[in-house]
Amino acid sequence: MRNLINKEETGNVRQEETAMGKQTVTQEFEDKRMEAVLGVLGKTIARWTDKGDLSETAVQGLSLHQRHEPTEPISIMYEPRICVIAQGAKRVLLGDDTYVYDEQHFLISSVDLPTVVQIVRASSEKPYLGLVLRIDQREMSQLMTDSNLPQHACAAVRPGRWRPERSDSADACDFNDPDRSAG
């Protein structure tokens, strides 16, 4: 009887190790894929901003940014926007909270926010390269209305953290999470 249990335990361990191995391989593939996408995005931003730090584009609300050195902190009103960095890093102060976003982190603002921002990682060799897509709240509201999105418990205006492992239920938003953040 003991030998049978050991074989079953060993089988479960092998299955678990195999699953973990597949997860590690998948994560490594996704990391390399993201790195390649950011590389292409960075080269594109660099090409379009080669004559200056800021480049408005033909796409309404889309701007591309390049800086060759860190900046001093400046006060700015962050309108609703999505910010993505292909290279470098930026610090955003919002009240008493500090957020740093970079190649691995993005920033989304859905309302006007008074902030202090500072590019903290940029150099001649590796300039800060980022894009900003301003969000038109009227267009977004119309899009949401037209799409007939289902109502969920997450639609409440409360701080929390998304829990993708529970995305099939109303518990997907953990509103009691002590580590919740606005970033």
C-alpha atoms as a PDB file:
ATOM      1  CA  MET A   1       0.000   0.000   0.000  1.00  0.00           C
ATOM      2  CA  ARG A   2       2.786   2.457   0.834  1.00  0.00           C
ATOM      3  CA  ASN A   3       4.481   1.850  -2.559  1.00  0.00           C
ATOM      4  CA  LEU A   4       1.238   2.709  -4.350  1.00  0.00           C
ATOM      5  CA  ILE A   5       0.952   5.979  -2.447  1.00  0.00           C
ATOM      6  CA  ASN A   6       4.566   6.846  -3.239  1.00  0.00           C
ATOM      7  CA  LYS A   7       3.958   6.211  -6.943  1.00  0.00           C
ATOM      8  CA  GLU A   8       0.853   8.393  -6.881  1.00  0.00           C
ATOM      9  CA  GLU A   9       2.666  11.143  -4.986  1.00  0.00           C
ATOM     10  CA  THR A  10       5.592  10.949  -7.411  1.00  0.00           C
ATOM     11  CA  GLY A  11       3.180  11.148 -10.362  1.00  0.00           C
ATOM     12  CA  ASN A  12       1.515  14.237  -8.934  1.00  0.00           C
ATOM     13  CA  VAL A  13       4.880  15.870  -8.299  1.00  0.00           C
ATOM     14  CA  ARG A  14       5.957  15.151 -11.899  1.00  0.00           C
ATOM     15  CA  GLN A  15       2.691  16.564 -13.223  1.00  0.00           C
ATOM     16  CA  GLU A  16       3.155  19.640 -11.059  1.00  0.00           C
ATOM     17  CA  GLU A  17       6.800  20.049 -12.167  1.00  0.00           C
ATOM     18  CA  THR A  18       5.757  19.657 -15.813  1.00  0.00           C
ATOM     19  CA  ALA A  19       3.018  22.279 -15.406  1.00  0.00           C
ATOM     20  CA  MET A  20       5.465  24.656 -13.706  1.00  0.00           C
ATOM     21  CA  GLY A  21       8.007  24.034 -16.481  1.00  0.00           C
ATOM     22  CA  LYS A  22       5.417  24.883 -19.136  1.00  0.00           C
ATOM     23  CA  GLN A  23       4.421  28.012 -17.212  1.00  0.00           C
ATOM     24  CA  THR A  24       8.072  29.097 -16.993  1.00  0.00           C
ATOM     25  CA  VAL A  25       8.608  28.508 -20.720  1.00  0.00           C
ATOM     26  CA  THR A  26       5.404  30.409 -21.537  1.00  0.00           C
ATOM     27  CA  GLN A  27       6.437  33.336 -19.298  1.00  0.00           C
ATOM     28  CA  GLU A  28       9.912  33.461 -20.859  1.00  0.00           C
ATOM     29  CA  PHE A  29       8.339  33.477 -24.334  1.00  0.00           C
ATOM     30  CA  GLU A  30       5.940  36.277 -23.348  1.00  0.00           C
ATOM     31  CA  ASP A  31       8.796  38.291 -21.804  1.00  0.00           C
ATOM     32  CA  LYS A  32      10.877  37.992 -24.988  1.00  0.00           C
ATOM     33  CA  ARG A  33       7.862  38.851 -27.109  1.00  0.00           C
ATOM     34  CA  MET A  34       7.144  41.950 -25.000  1.00  0.00           C
ATOM     35  CA  GLU A  35      10.796  42.964 -25.200  1.00  0.00           C
ATOM     36  CA  ALA A  36      10.659  42.697 -29.018  1.00  0.00           C
ATOM     37  CA  VAL A  37       7.428  44.716 -29.206  1.00  0.00           C
ATOM     38  CA  LEU A  38       8.888  47.432 -26.967  1.00  0.00           C
ATOM     39  CA  GLY A  39      12.022  47.478 -29.137  1.00  0.00           C
ATOM     40  CA  VAL A  40       9.962  48.093 -32.276  1.00  0.00           C
ATOM     41  CA  LEU A  41       7.833  50.700 -30.485  1.00  0.00           C
ATOM     42  CA  GLY A  42      10.958  52.457 -29.193  1.00  0.00           C
ATOM     43  CA  LYS A  43      12.575  52.564 -32.647  1.00  0.00           C
ATOM     44  CA  THR A  44       9.363  53.949 -34.136  1.00  0.00           C
ATOM     45  CA  ILE A  45       9.065  56.657 -31.480  1.00  0.00           C
ATOM     46  CA  ALA A  46      12.754  57.551 -31.909  1.00  0.00           C
ATOM     47  CA  ARG A  47      12.329  57.853 -35.676  1.00  0.00           C
ATOM     48  CA  TRP A  48       9.247  60.103 -35.386  1.00  0.00           C
ATOM     49  CA  THR A  49      10.767  62.308 -32.673  1.00  0.00           C
ATOM     50  CA  ASP A  50      14.269  62.706 -34.121  1.00  0.00           C
ATOM     51  CA  LYS A  51      13.807  66.484 -34.579  1.00  0.00           C
ATOM     52  CA  GLY A  52      12.511  67.257 -31.097  1.00  0.00           C
ATOM     53  CA  ASP A  53      11.305  65.968 -27.771  1.00  0.00           C
ATOM     54  CA  LEU A  54       7.605  66.041 -28.584  1.00  0.00           C
ATOM     55  CA  SER A  55       5.815  65.036 -31.732  1.00  0.00           C
ATOM     56  CA  GLU A  56       2.094  65.390 -32.266  1.00  0.00           C
ATOM     57  CA  THR A  57       0.840  62.839 -34.741  1.00  0.00           C
ATOM     58  CA  ALA A  58      -1.888  62.636 -37.368  1.00  0.00           C
ATOM     59  CA  VAL A  59      -3.798  60.445 -34.904  1.00  0.00           C
ATOM     60  CA  GLN A  60      -5.951  62.762 -32.814  1.00  0.00           C
ATOM     61  CA  GLY A  61      -4.819  62.645 -29.164  1.00  0.00           C
ATOM     62  CA  LEU A  62      -1.631  60.643 -29.808  1.00  0.00           C
ATOM     63  CA  SER A  63       1.730  62.227 -29.016  1.00  0.00           C
ATOM     64  CA  LEU A  64       5.230  60.747 -28.997  1.00  0.00           C
ATOM     65  CA  HIS A  65       7.986  61.850 -26.619  1.00  0.00           C
ATOM     66  CA  GLN A  66      11.779  61.600 -26.518  1.00  0.00           C
ATOM     67  CA  ARG A  67      14.111  63.016 -23.857  1.00  0.00           C
ATOM     68  CA  HIS A  68      17.877  62.590 -23.643  1.00  0.00           C
ATOM     69  CA  GLU A  69      18.256  63.418 -19.951  1.00  0.00           C
ATOM     70  CA  PRO A  70      16.184  63.329 -16.770  1.00  0.00           C
ATOM     71  CA  THR A  71      13.962  66.351 -16.191  1.00  0.00           C
ATOM     72  CA  GLU A  72      13.185  68.522 -13.211  1.00  0.00           C
ATOM     73  CA  PRO A  73       9.791  67.874 -11.585  1.00  0.00           C
ATOM     74  CA  ILE A  74       7.001  69.917 -13.201  1.00  0.00           C
ATOM     75  CA  SER A  75       3.348  70.409 -12.269  1.00  0.00           C
ATOM     76  CA  ILE A  76       0.878  69.313 -14.911  1.00  0.00           C
ATOM     77  CA  MET A  77      -2.778  68.368 -15.110  1.00  0.00           C
ATOM     78  CA  TYR A  78      -3.001  64.788 -16.343  1.00  0.00           C
ATOM     79  CA  GLU A  79      -6.113  64.653 -18.474  1.00  0.00           C
ATOM     80  CA  PRO A  80      -7.631  61.217 -19.093  1.00  0.00           C
ATOM     81  CA  ARG A  81      -4.904  59.303 -20.928  1.00  0.00           C
ATOM     82  CA  ILE A  82      -2.983  56.107 -21.468  1.00  0.00           C
ATOM     83  CA  CYS A  83       0.804  56.426 -21.133  1.00  0.00           C
ATOM     84  CA  VAL A  84       3.216  53.766 -22.381  1.00  0.00           C
ATOM     85  CA  ILE A  85       6.997  53.902 -22.097  1.00  0.00           C
ATOM     86  CA  ALA A  86       9.159  51.976 -24.548  1.00  0.00           C
ATOM     87  CA  GLN A  87      12.419  53.021 -22.859  1.00  0.00           C
ATOM     88  CA  GLY A  88      13.267  54.971 -19.704  1.00  0.00           C
ATOM     89  CA  ALA A  89      11.149  55.796 -16.656  1.00  0.00           C
ATOM     90  CA  LYS A  90       8.904  58.541 -15.304  1.00  0.00           C
ATOM     91  CA  ARG A  91       7.831  59.393 -11.743  1.00  0.00           C
ATOM     92  CA  VAL A  92       4.354  60.777 -11.079  1.00  0.00           C
ATOM     93  CA  LEU A  93       3.410  62.357  -7.753  1.00  0.00           C
ATOM     94  CA  LEU A  94      -0.295  62.417  -6.991  1.00  0.00           C
ATOM     95  CA  GLY A  95      -1.005  63.870  -3.567  1.00  0.00           C
ATOM     96  CA  ASP A  96       1.017  61.790  -1.104  1.00  0.00           C
ATOM     97  CA  ASP A  97       1.386  58.854  -3.523  1.00  0.00           C
ATOM     98  CA  THR A  98       4.322  58.261  -5.860  1.00  0.00           C
ATOM     99  CA  TYR A  99       4.102  56.106  -8.986  1.00  0.00           C
ATOM    100  CA  VAL A 100       6.994  55.153 -11.231  1.00  0.00           C
ATOM    101  CA  TYR A 101       6.215  53.691 -14.602  1.00  0.00           C
ATOM    102  CA  ASP A 102       8.604  52.298 -17.175  1.00  0.00           C
ATOM    103  CA  GLU A 103       8.873  49.605 -19.857  1.00  0.00           C
ATOM    104  CA  GLN A 104       7.151  47.104 -17.576  1.00  0.00           C
ATOM    105  CA  HIS A 105       4.426  49.402 -16.214  1.00  0.00           C
ATOM    106  CA  PHE A 106       1.928  51.726 -17.855  1.00  0.00           C
ATOM    107  CA  LEU A 107      -0.280  54.492 -16.536  1.00  0.00           C
ATOM    108  CA  ILE A 108      -3.973  55.045 -17.166  1.00  0.00           C
ATOM    109  CA  SER A 109      -5.808  58.103 -15.909  1.00  0.00           C
ATOM    110  CA  SER A 110      -9.584  58.222 -16.353  1.00  0.00           C
ATOM    111  CA  VAL A 111     -10.107  61.673 -14.803  1.00  0.00           C
ATOM    112  CA  ASP A 112      -8.236  64.979 -14.650  1.00  0.00           C
ATOM    113  CA  LEU A 113      -5.500  64.694 -12.019  1.00  0.00           C
ATOM    114  CA  PRO A 114      -3.176  67.428 -10.727  1.00  0.00           C
ATOM    115  CA  THR A 115       0.260  65.812 -10.737  1.00  0.00           C
ATOM    116  CA  VAL A 116       3.964  66.514 -10.522  1.00  0.00           C
ATOM    117  CA  VAL A 117       5.900  64.523 -13.135  1.00  0.00           C
ATOM    118  CA  GLN A 118       9.576  63.899 -13.721  1.00  0.00           C
ATOM    119  CA  ILE A 119      11.476  61.775 -16.220  1.00  0.00           C
ATOM    120  CA  VAL A 120      13.908  59.893 -14.000  1.00  0.00           C
ATOM    121  CA  ARG A 121      15.670  57.593 -16.471  1.00  0.00           C
ATOM    122  CA  ALA A 122      16.962  58.976 -19.787  1.00  0.00           C
ATOM    123  CA  SER A 123      20.365  59.437 -21.413  1.00  0.00           C
ATOM    124  CA  SER A 124      21.931  60.160 -24.796  1.00  0.00           C
ATOM    125  CA  GLU A 125      22.639  56.451 -25.224  1.00  0.00           C
ATOM    126  CA  LYS A 126      19.189  55.337 -24.023  1.00  0.00           C
ATOM    127  CA  PRO A 127      16.710  58.211 -24.292  1.00  0.00           C
ATOM    128  CA  TYR A 128      13.305  58.219 -22.680  1.00  0.00           C
ATOM    129  CA  LEU A 129      10.821  57.112 -25.370  1.00  0.00           C
ATOM    130  CA  GLY A 130       7.115  57.213 -24.625  1.00  0.00           C
ATOM    131  CA  LEU A 131       3.686  57.737 -26.065  1.00  0.00           C
ATOM    132  CA  VAL A 132       0.544  59.329 -24.708  1.00  0.00           C
ATOM    133  CA  LEU A 133      -2.947  58.660 -26.006  1.00  0.00           C
ATOM    134  CA  ARG A 134      -5.414  61.170 -24.606  1.00  0.00           C
ATOM    135  CA  ILE A 135      -8.861  59.737 -23.934  1.00  0.00           C
ATOM    136  CA  ASP A 136     -11.895  61.706 -25.056  1.00  0.00           C
ATOM    137  CA  GLN A 137     -14.407  61.031 -22.268  1.00  0.00           C
ATOM    138  CA  ARG A 138     -17.429  61.770 -24.464  1.00  0.00           C
ATOM    139  CA  GLU A 139     -16.257  59.332 -27.119  1.00  0.00           C
ATOM    140  CA  MET A 140     -15.440  56.708 -24.477  1.00  0.00           C
ATOM    141  CA  SER A 141     -18.888  57.113 -22.891  1.00  0.00           C
ATOM    142  CA  GLN A 142     -20.537  56.731 -26.286  1.00  0.00           C
ATOM    143  CA  LEU A 143     -18.426  53.666 -27.074  1.00  0.00           C
ATOM    144  CA  MET A 144     -19.408  52.052 -23.767  1.00  0.00           C
ATOM    145  CA  THR A 145     -23.081  52.860 -24.344  1.00  0.00           C
ATOM    146  CA  ASP A 146     -22.998  51.511 -27.890  1.00  0.00           C
ATOM    147  CA  SER A 147     -21.205  48.307 -26.897  1.00  0.00           C
ATOM    148  CA  ASN A 148     -23.886  47.174 -24.418  1.00  0.00           C
ATOM    149  CA  LEU A 149     -21.280  46.013 -21.919  1.00  0.00           C
ATOM    150  CA  PRO A 150     -22.687  43.888 -19.077  1.00  0.00           C
ATOM    151  CA  GLN A 151     -22.890  45.464 -15.650  1.00  0.00           C
ATOM    152  CA  HIS A 152     -20.664  43.862 -12.985  1.00  0.00           C
ATOM    153  CA  ALA A 153     -19.958  44.496  -9.355  1.00  0.00           C
ATOM    154  CA  CYS A 154     -16.632  45.943 -10.535  1.00  0.00           C
ATOM    155  CA  ALA A 155     -18.490  48.850 -12.121  1.00  0.00           C
ATOM    156  CA  ALA A 156     -18.825  50.488  -8.696  1.00  0.00           C
ATOM    157  CA  VAL A 157     -16.523  53.432  -8.196  1.00  0.00           C
ATOM    158  CA  ARG A 158     -14.349  52.049  -5.421  1.00  0.00           C
ATOM    159  CA  PRO A 159     -10.621  51.436  -5.185  1.00  0.00           C
ATOM    160  CA  GLY A 160      -9.453  47.873  -5.432  1.00  0.00           C
ATOM    161  CA  ARG A 161      -7.184  45.457  -7.235  1.00  0.00           C
ATOM    162  CA  TRP A 162      -8.181  43.230 -10.138  1.00  0.00           C
ATOM    163  CA  ARG A 163      -7.821  39.534  -9.378  1.00  0.00           C
ATOM    164  CA  PRO A 164      -7.646  37.737 -12.758  1.00  0.00           C
ATOM    165  CA  GLU A 165      -7.698  34.318 -11.100  1.00  0.00           C
ATOM    166  CA  ARG A 166     -11.298  35.109 -10.087  1.00  0.00           C
ATOM    167  CA  SER A 167     -12.363  36.871 -13.293  1.00  0.00           C
ATOM    168  CA  ASP A 168     -15.416  34.638 -13.779  1.00  0.00           C
ATOM    169  CA  SER A 169     -17.208  36.009 -10.731  1.00  0.00           C
ATOM    170  CA  ALA A 170     -18.210  39.241  -9.053  1.00  0.00           C
ATOM    171  CA  ASP A 171     -15.295  38.606  -6.647  1.00  0.00           C
ATOM    172  CA  ALA A 172     -12.817  39.534  -9.418  1.00  0.00           C
ATOM    173  CA  CYS A 173     -12.500  42.976  -7.851  1.00  0.00           C
ATOM    174  CA  ASP A 174     -11.027  42.766  -4.387  1.00  0.00           C
ATOM    175  CA  PHE A 175     -12.206  45.975  -2.760  1.00  0.00           C
ATOM    176  CA  ASN A 176     -10.769  45.002   0.616  1.00  0.00           C
ATOM    177  CA  ASP A 177      -7.199  44.549  -0.618  1.00  0.00           C
ATOM    178  CA  PRO A 178      -4.842  46.350   1.774  1.00  0.00           C
ATOM    179  CA  ASP A 179      -2.218  46.678  -0.977  1.00  0.00           C
ATOM    180  CA  ARG A 180      -4.527  48.438  -3.404  1.00  0.00           C
ATOM    181  CA  SER A 181      -3.004  51.219  -5.474  1.00  0.00           C
ATOM    182  CA  ALA A 182      -4.221  53.773  -7.995  1.00  0.00           C
ATOM    183  CA  GLY A 183      -1.402  53.042 -10.455  1.00  0.00           C
END
